[in-house]
Amino acid sequence: MNTGNNTAGKTAPERYVSEKAFEELPDAFQKLAELLGEDQFELVAVNEKDSQDIYVRNGEIRLVYLMNDAVESFLIFGNARMTGVYKPDYEGEILADLSRQGREYILVVHQDDSVVTLFFETLTLEKHLYDYSQIGHFWVEGYEYLRQLEYRLAILRDKYDYIGGDSCNAQEEKLSALVEFPPLNYCCYPAVPEKYIVPREEPWIPSERAVSVMKEIAREAGDCTFVRWLGIYRRFPFKWIARKLAGMLHRTKHIQVTMCLSGKLQEASAGYGDRSFGKEADEQLKVLVEKARGKQAELKKQGTESEVLREEPFTIARDSLGFKVYLMKWNKGRKDCTVEIEEM
C-alpha cells in the first residue's frame, strides 16, 4: 500500500490465509499478508549496482508498506538474500507462498511469468513519522483549503489504521474519525481526482464518533448555528443535510469552524519532525520557504492572510515529486471564503 488516499480499511488477505490463521500471525507477518493480498510488492533499491543486489544492503531487504506525507514505513527482511528476477514496474496480480525451513523463512513471489524468492530470518516494521500539517497538494480546484483538510485527515487515518495506534497521539486518534464525516470527506471535497479514490462502504453515512468530534470543534469555534445543524444531521443523516453542512464550511460566517479544525491538525502533528534530504536539498527548500514567507509578510501588511505550504518527495523510495512551495492566500468575502494559490 503506497500513497493512496481514502483507503477502504484493512481486510484479511483471504486468498492466502484463513481469517483465524491471519489473526494468529505476528504483526509484521500480518502486514506482509495484507500487502500481498492487495497485490502490492515494491522492493526498495538501496544501491546502484546493476543486479538484484541493488535490493540488499547489510543483509536487509526493504519492502514498501505505507508511504504518504505522514509516514514512510517498510517491512524489513533480516539476514536476507534473494534469487530469481524481480520486476520493479510490474502491475498486476501477485501469487505468493511463505514457508519455513529451520530458522529461515522462504517467500516465493510470482509476478506473472517471473519468480523472485526471498530467504530471510526476521521480519520487522520500520516507520518514520512526519509533520504533515504544512504539506499542500493542489490536484483539484475549488475551496482548496477544505481539500487540504480532507487529504490530511485521510493520510492520518491511513497511518492509524495501517501502522497502529502507537503511531498517533490522542488528538490524532480523535481527529481520524472525521474521515467518516461526509460534509468534509471525499464525498464533498475530494483532494484527488475521482479515478484515484478508493470508496468506503456507505460513504454518505456519518459515524456517531465523527459527528461528535465535529460538534466539539464547532462548539470551540463558537458557531451555534453549525452545532444546531449537526444535531439535525445526527438525527437525520440525509445526503442533502450533508451537502448543506459542506456548503456552510466554506461560508465566511462559519470559517472559524474550518480554522479551528486546521489548528487542531497543526497541534496534533507538530510533535513530528520534518523530512531531511541532505544539506544541499534542505537548503534549496529553505530558500523557497523563506521567499514565500517574505511574500506572506507583505500580504499581512496589506491585511491579507495566507499560509505557506510545501510539496516534497519521500526520503526513501523517493518518487519523482520535486520540491514545490506554495502561498495559499485567503479571500474572505461577504458570503464565501476562497483561496488563491501561488507557486514560488
Protein backbone atom coordinates (compact mmCIF):
# COMPACT_ATOMS: atom_id res chain seq x y z
CA MET A 1 0.00 0.00 0.00
CA ASN A 2 1.66 3.12 -1.18
CA THR A 3 0.40 6.68 -1.27
CA GLY A 4 -3.28 6.00 -1.81
CA ASN A 5 -5.95 8.34 -0.44
CA ASN A 6 -9.25 7.43 1.25
CA THR A 7 -8.48 3.75 1.69
CA ALA A 8 -11.36 1.43 2.41
CA GLY A 9 -9.85 -0.12 5.53
CA LYS A 10 -7.95 -3.32 6.30
CA THR A 11 -9.21 -6.73 5.32
CA ALA A 12 -7.72 -10.16 5.91
CA PRO A 13 -5.99 -11.44 2.74
CA GLU A 14 -8.27 -14.47 2.45
CA ARG A 15 -6.73 -15.83 -0.72
CA TYR A 16 -3.54 -16.57 1.24
CA VAL A 17 -4.64 -17.44 4.76
CA SER A 18 -7.85 -18.00 6.73
CA GLU A 19 -9.10 -15.22 8.98
CA LYS A 20 -8.32 -17.24 12.13
CA ALA A 21 -4.79 -18.05 10.96
CA PHE A 22 -4.30 -14.41 9.92
CA GLU A 23 -5.16 -13.17 13.43
CA GLU A 24 -2.64 -15.58 14.96
CA LEU A 25 0.25 -14.27 12.82
CA PRO A 26 2.81 -11.87 14.35
CA ASP A 27 2.04 -8.25 13.46
CA ALA A 28 4.76 -7.86 10.81
CA PHE A 29 3.64 -11.05 9.05
CA GLN A 30 0.03 -9.79 9.11
CA LYS A 31 1.21 -6.65 7.37
CA LEU A 32 3.06 -8.71 4.77
CA ALA A 33 -0.07 -10.80 4.16
CA GLU A 34 -2.12 -7.59 3.75
CA LEU A 35 0.28 -6.26 1.13
CA LEU A 36 0.32 -9.47 -0.86
CA GLY A 37 -3.48 -9.70 -0.58
CA GLU A 38 -3.69 -6.29 -2.25
CA ASP A 39 -1.18 -7.29 -4.98
CA GLN A 40 1.43 -4.92 -3.57
CA PHE A 41 5.10 -5.92 -3.60
CA GLU A 42 7.52 -3.00 -4.05
CA LEU A 43 11.13 -3.56 -3.01
CA VAL A 44 13.36 -0.59 -2.24
CA ALA A 45 16.56 -0.18 -4.26
CA VAL A 46 19.39 0.60 -1.82
CA ASN A 47 22.44 0.88 -4.08
CA GLU A 48 23.32 1.46 -7.72
CA LYS A 49 24.68 -1.94 -8.72
CA ASP A 50 23.17 -3.24 -11.94
CA SER A 51 21.88 -6.53 -10.49
CA GLN A 52 19.42 -7.96 -7.98
CA ASP A 53 21.95 -6.92 -5.31
CA ILE A 54 20.58 -3.38 -5.55
CA TYR A 55 17.83 -4.51 -3.18
CA VAL A 56 20.11 -5.98 -0.48
CA ARG A 57 22.19 -3.98 1.98
CA ASN A 58 23.90 -5.40 5.06
CA GLY A 59 21.74 -8.48 4.80
CA GLU A 60 18.48 -6.49 4.78
CA ILE A 61 15.78 -6.13 2.14
CA ARG A 62 13.15 -3.40 2.42
CA LEU A 63 9.57 -3.74 1.20
CA VAL A 64 7.38 -0.62 0.98
CA TYR A 65 4.45 -0.82 3.38
CA LEU A 66 2.68 2.56 3.76
CA MET A 67 4.02 5.74 2.18
CA ASN A 68 2.32 9.09 2.49
CA ASP A 69 3.07 12.59 3.77
CA ALA A 70 2.52 11.49 7.39
CA VAL A 71 4.57 8.29 7.41
CA GLU A 72 7.16 6.30 5.49
CA SER A 73 7.15 2.65 6.54
CA PHE A 74 8.78 -0.56 5.39
CA LEU A 75 8.84 -4.23 6.20
CA ILE A 76 12.47 -5.25 6.80
CA PHE A 77 13.56 -8.77 5.90
CA GLY A 78 16.56 -9.50 8.15
CA ASN A 79 19.51 -11.82 7.38
CA ALA A 80 18.07 -11.86 3.88
CA ARG A 81 19.06 -12.81 0.36
CA MET A 82 17.12 -13.12 -2.87
CA THR A 83 17.17 -15.12 -6.07
CA GLY A 84 15.20 -15.02 -9.32
CA VAL A 85 14.02 -11.98 -11.24
CA TYR A 86 12.11 -9.13 -9.60
CA LYS A 87 10.11 -6.80 -11.85
CA PRO A 88 10.03 -3.34 -10.20
CA ASP A 89 7.49 -1.96 -12.71
CA TYR A 90 5.10 -4.92 -12.56
CA GLU A 91 1.42 -4.10 -12.00
CA GLY A 92 -0.99 -6.99 -11.77
CA GLU A 93 -1.97 -9.98 -9.70
CA ILE A 94 0.64 -11.42 -7.38
CA LEU A 95 0.79 -15.04 -6.26
CA ALA A 96 2.91 -15.76 -3.19
CA ASP A 97 3.81 -18.60 -0.89
CA LEU A 98 5.55 -18.43 2.50
CA SER A 99 7.20 -21.44 4.11
CA ARG A 100 9.80 -22.09 6.77
CA GLN A 101 12.83 -24.33 6.93
CA GLY A 102 14.54 -24.26 10.31
CA ARG A 103 15.39 -20.65 11.20
CA GLU A 104 14.85 -19.42 7.66
CA TYR A 105 11.63 -18.24 6.01
CA ILE A 106 11.18 -18.59 2.26
CA LEU A 107 8.88 -16.19 0.41
CA VAL A 108 8.21 -17.05 -3.23
CA VAL A 109 6.51 -14.30 -5.26
CA HIS A 110 5.14 -14.77 -8.76
CA GLN A 111 4.83 -11.66 -10.92
CA ASP A 112 3.11 -13.12 -13.97
CA ASP A 113 5.79 -15.33 -15.59
CA SER A 114 8.58 -14.04 -13.33
CA VAL A 115 9.51 -15.52 -9.95
CA VAL A 116 11.54 -13.91 -7.17
CA THR A 117 12.39 -15.71 -3.92
CA LEU A 118 13.36 -14.07 -0.63
CA PHE A 119 15.16 -16.04 2.08
CA PHE A 120 15.12 -14.34 5.49
CA GLU A 121 15.21 -14.99 9.23
CA THR A 122 13.38 -11.99 10.70
CA LEU A 123 10.63 -9.60 9.62
CA THR A 124 10.11 -6.24 11.31
CA LEU A 125 8.33 -2.95 10.64
CA GLU A 126 10.35 0.26 10.28
CA LYS A 127 8.44 3.55 10.41
CA HIS A 128 9.31 7.24 10.14
CA LEU A 129 6.64 9.76 11.22
CA TYR A 130 6.49 13.33 9.90
CA ASP A 131 4.67 16.62 10.42
CA TYR A 132 2.04 16.79 7.66
CA SER A 133 0.25 19.99 8.67
CA GLN A 134 2.24 22.22 6.29
CA ILE A 135 2.02 19.89 3.28
CA GLY A 136 -0.06 21.08 0.33
CA HIS A 137 -1.22 19.28 -2.82
CA PHE A 138 -3.41 21.12 -5.30
CA TRP A 139 -4.74 18.40 -7.56
CA VAL A 140 -8.38 19.57 -7.60
CA GLU A 141 -9.53 23.18 -7.94
CA GLY A 142 -12.07 24.95 -5.75
CA TYR A 143 -12.07 25.50 -1.99
CA GLU A 144 -8.55 24.13 -1.87
CA TYR A 145 -8.21 24.77 1.88
CA LEU A 146 -11.00 22.27 2.58
CA ARG A 147 -9.46 19.73 0.19
CA GLN A 148 -6.18 20.01 2.12
CA LEU A 149 -8.04 19.17 5.31
CA GLU A 150 -9.69 16.18 3.61
CA TYR A 151 -6.29 14.96 2.44
CA ARG A 152 -4.60 15.36 5.82
CA LEU A 153 -7.40 13.55 7.60
CA ALA A 154 -7.24 10.73 5.03
CA ILE A 155 -3.49 10.15 5.41
CA LEU A 156 -3.84 10.43 9.19
CA ARG A 157 -6.50 7.73 9.16
CA ASP A 158 -4.31 5.52 6.96
CA LYS A 159 -1.47 5.94 9.46
CA TYR A 160 -3.78 4.99 12.31
CA ASP A 161 -5.38 2.03 10.50
CA TYR A 162 -2.28 0.50 8.95
CA ILE A 163 0.60 1.38 11.26
CA GLY A 164 -1.34 1.27 14.53
CA GLY A 165 -2.48 3.43 17.39
CA ASP A 166 1.05 3.79 18.75
CA SER A 167 1.90 5.87 15.66
CA CYS A 168 -0.69 8.52 16.62
CA ASN A 169 -1.21 10.73 19.65
CA ALA A 170 -4.58 11.08 21.38
CA GLN A 171 -5.53 14.18 19.37
CA GLU A 172 -4.76 12.44 16.09
CA GLU A 173 -6.75 9.38 17.10
CA LYS A 174 -9.77 11.59 17.78
CA LEU A 175 -9.46 13.62 14.55
CA SER A 176 -9.01 10.49 12.43
CA ALA A 177 -12.73 9.79 12.92
CA LEU A 178 -13.53 12.72 10.60
CA VAL A 179 -12.87 10.61 7.50
CA GLU A 180 -16.37 9.34 8.32
CA PHE A 181 -17.87 12.85 8.13
CA PRO A 182 -19.29 13.19 4.57
CA PRO A 183 -19.57 17.02 4.57
CA LEU A 184 -15.77 17.16 4.76
CA ASN A 185 -14.52 13.88 3.33
CA TYR A 186 -14.16 12.92 -0.35
CA CYS A 187 -17.95 12.91 -0.84
CA CYS A 188 -17.92 16.72 -0.91
CA TYR A 189 -14.28 17.88 -1.02
CA PRO A 190 -12.11 15.22 -2.68
CA ALA A 191 -8.43 16.15 -2.68
CA VAL A 192 -7.63 13.83 -5.59
CA PRO A 193 -9.34 13.16 -8.93
CA GLU A 194 -12.13 10.59 -8.84
CA LYS A 195 -10.12 7.83 -10.53
CA TYR A 196 -7.71 7.74 -7.56
CA ILE A 197 -10.38 7.48 -4.86
CA VAL A 198 -10.92 4.15 -3.13
CA PRO A 199 -14.52 4.42 -1.89
CA ARG A 200 -15.57 3.50 1.61
CA GLU A 201 -18.66 1.40 2.29
CA GLU A 202 -21.76 3.63 2.59
CA PRO A 203 -19.68 6.83 2.29
CA TRP A 204 -22.67 9.15 2.83
CA ILE A 205 -23.46 7.72 6.29
CA PRO A 206 -21.57 9.56 9.06
CA SER A 207 -20.29 7.74 12.12
CA GLU A 208 -21.55 8.81 15.53
CA ARG A 209 -17.99 9.49 16.60
CA ALA A 210 -17.30 11.74 13.61
CA VAL A 211 -20.38 13.88 14.31
CA SER A 212 -19.39 14.12 17.99
CA VAL A 213 -15.84 15.27 17.14
CA MET A 214 -17.15 17.85 14.67
CA LYS A 215 -19.68 19.10 17.22
CA GLU A 216 -16.90 19.57 19.76
CA ILE A 217 -14.90 21.59 17.21
CA ALA A 218 -17.91 23.75 16.27
CA ARG A 219 -18.60 24.50 19.93
CA GLU A 220 -14.99 25.50 20.49
CA ALA A 221 -15.27 27.76 17.42
CA GLY A 222 -18.37 29.36 18.96
CA ASP A 223 -20.61 28.56 15.98
CA CYS A 224 -24.03 27.82 17.48
CA THR A 225 -25.74 27.55 14.07
CA PHE A 226 -23.31 24.88 12.91
CA VAL A 227 -23.78 23.00 16.19
CA ARG A 228 -27.56 23.08 15.70
CA TRP A 229 -27.32 21.68 12.17
CA LEU A 230 -25.01 18.93 13.42
CA GLY A 231 -27.74 17.97 15.88
CA ILE A 232 -30.21 17.74 12.99
CA TYR A 233 -27.69 15.75 10.94
CA ARG A 234 -27.20 13.29 13.81
CA ARG A 235 -30.94 12.57 13.88
CA PHE A 236 -31.43 12.63 10.11
CA PRO A 237 -28.19 11.66 8.30
CA PHE A 238 -29.53 12.50 4.83
CA LYS A 239 -27.34 13.42 1.86
CA TRP A 240 -28.98 16.85 1.44
CA ILE A 241 -28.11 17.76 5.04
CA ALA A 242 -24.52 16.62 4.45
CA ARG A 243 -24.36 18.93 1.43
CA LYS A 244 -25.89 21.74 3.50
CA LEU A 245 -23.13 21.37 6.11
CA ALA A 246 -20.50 21.12 3.37
CA GLY A 247 -21.71 24.44 2.00
CA MET A 248 -21.59 26.01 5.43
CA LEU A 249 -17.94 25.03 5.79
CA HIS A 250 -16.90 27.47 3.05
CA ARG A 251 -19.13 30.33 4.17
CA THR A 252 -17.20 33.22 5.68
CA LYS A 253 -19.52 33.39 8.70
CA HIS A 254 -18.69 29.76 9.53
CA ILE A 255 -14.98 29.89 8.67
CA GLN A 256 -13.95 29.65 12.33
CA VAL A 257 -15.07 26.01 12.32
CA THR A 258 -12.65 25.28 9.47
CA MET A 259 -9.87 27.31 11.09
CA CYS A 260 -10.37 25.55 14.42
CA LEU A 261 -10.06 22.13 12.78
CA SER A 262 -6.97 23.22 10.84
CA GLY A 263 -5.39 24.47 14.06
CA LYS A 264 -6.07 21.16 15.80
CA LEU A 265 -4.41 19.22 12.99
CA GLN A 266 -1.38 21.51 13.25
CA GLU A 267 -1.19 20.95 17.00
CA ALA A 268 -1.62 17.21 16.61
CA SER A 269 1.21 16.79 14.09
CA ALA A 270 3.58 19.45 15.45
CA GLY A 271 5.47 16.90 17.54
CA TYR A 272 6.76 15.08 14.48
CA GLY A 273 9.83 16.25 12.60
CA ASP A 274 10.25 17.42 9.01
CA ARG A 275 11.88 15.35 6.30
CA SER A 276 15.57 15.91 5.57
CA PHE A 277 17.03 15.33 2.11
CA GLY A 278 20.63 16.22 2.80
CA LYS A 279 22.33 19.58 3.30
CA GLU A 280 22.13 20.83 -0.29
CA ALA A 281 18.49 19.83 -0.89
CA ASP A 282 17.40 21.13 2.53
CA GLU A 283 18.99 24.48 1.72
CA GLN A 284 17.19 24.60 -1.63
CA LEU A 285 13.86 24.01 0.11
CA LYS A 286 14.71 26.58 2.79
CA VAL A 287 15.31 29.27 0.14
CA LEU A 288 11.86 28.65 -1.39
CA VAL A 289 10.15 28.69 2.01
CA GLU A 290 11.85 31.95 3.00
CA LYS A 291 10.80 33.52 -0.30
CA ALA A 292 7.20 32.52 0.42
CA ARG A 293 7.38 33.85 3.98
CA GLY A 294 8.68 37.15 2.68
CA LYS A 295 5.62 37.50 0.43
CA GLN A 296 3.45 36.34 3.31
CA ALA A 297 4.74 39.22 5.46
CA GLU A 298 3.98 41.72 2.68
CA LEU A 299 0.44 40.38 2.32
CA LYS A 300 -0.12 40.61 6.05
CA LYS A 301 0.73 44.33 5.96
CA GLN A 302 -1.99 44.67 3.31
CA GLY A 303 -4.49 42.83 5.53
CA THR A 304 -4.44 39.54 3.61
CA GLU A 305 -3.95 36.28 5.48
CA SER A 306 -2.02 33.43 3.88
CA GLU A 307 -0.38 30.07 4.57
CA VAL A 308 2.95 28.70 3.38
CA LEU A 309 2.65 25.09 2.21
CA ARG A 310 5.16 22.76 0.62
CA GLU A 311 5.21 19.66 -1.55
CA GLU A 312 8.14 17.29 -1.23
CA PRO A 313 9.28 13.78 -2.20
CA PHE A 314 9.79 10.81 0.10
CA THR A 315 13.19 10.46 1.75
CA ILE A 316 13.37 6.72 0.99
CA ALA A 317 11.98 5.01 -2.11
CA ARG A 318 11.95 8.55 -3.50
CA ASP A 319 9.31 9.24 -6.13
CA SER A 320 9.55 11.73 -8.99
CA LEU A 321 7.96 14.52 -6.97
CA GLY A 322 10.25 17.50 -6.55
CA PHE A 323 10.20 20.43 -4.14
CA LYS A 324 7.40 22.94 -4.52
CA VAL A 325 6.42 25.74 -2.17
CA TYR A 326 3.06 27.49 -2.33
CA LEU A 327 1.45 30.54 -0.83
CA MET A 328 -2.24 29.95 -0.16
CA LYS A 329 -3.85 33.41 0.03
CA TRP A 330 -7.22 33.79 1.75
CA ASN A 331 -10.07 35.81 0.30
CA LYS A 332 -12.78 36.11 2.92
CA GLY A 333 -15.67 37.63 1.01
CA ARG A 334 -19.00 38.76 2.41
CA LYS A 335 -20.53 35.37 1.65
CA ASP A 336 -17.89 32.87 0.54
CA CYS A 337 -14.33 32.18 1.61
CA THR A 338 -11.96 31.19 -1.20
CA VAL A 339 -8.20 30.99 -1.66
CA GLU A 340 -5.70 31.82 -4.39
CA ILE A 341 -2.69 29.54 -4.84
CA GLU A 342 0.68 30.99 -5.87
CA GLU A 343 3.65 28.73 -6.55
CA MET A 344 7.08 30.10 -5.67
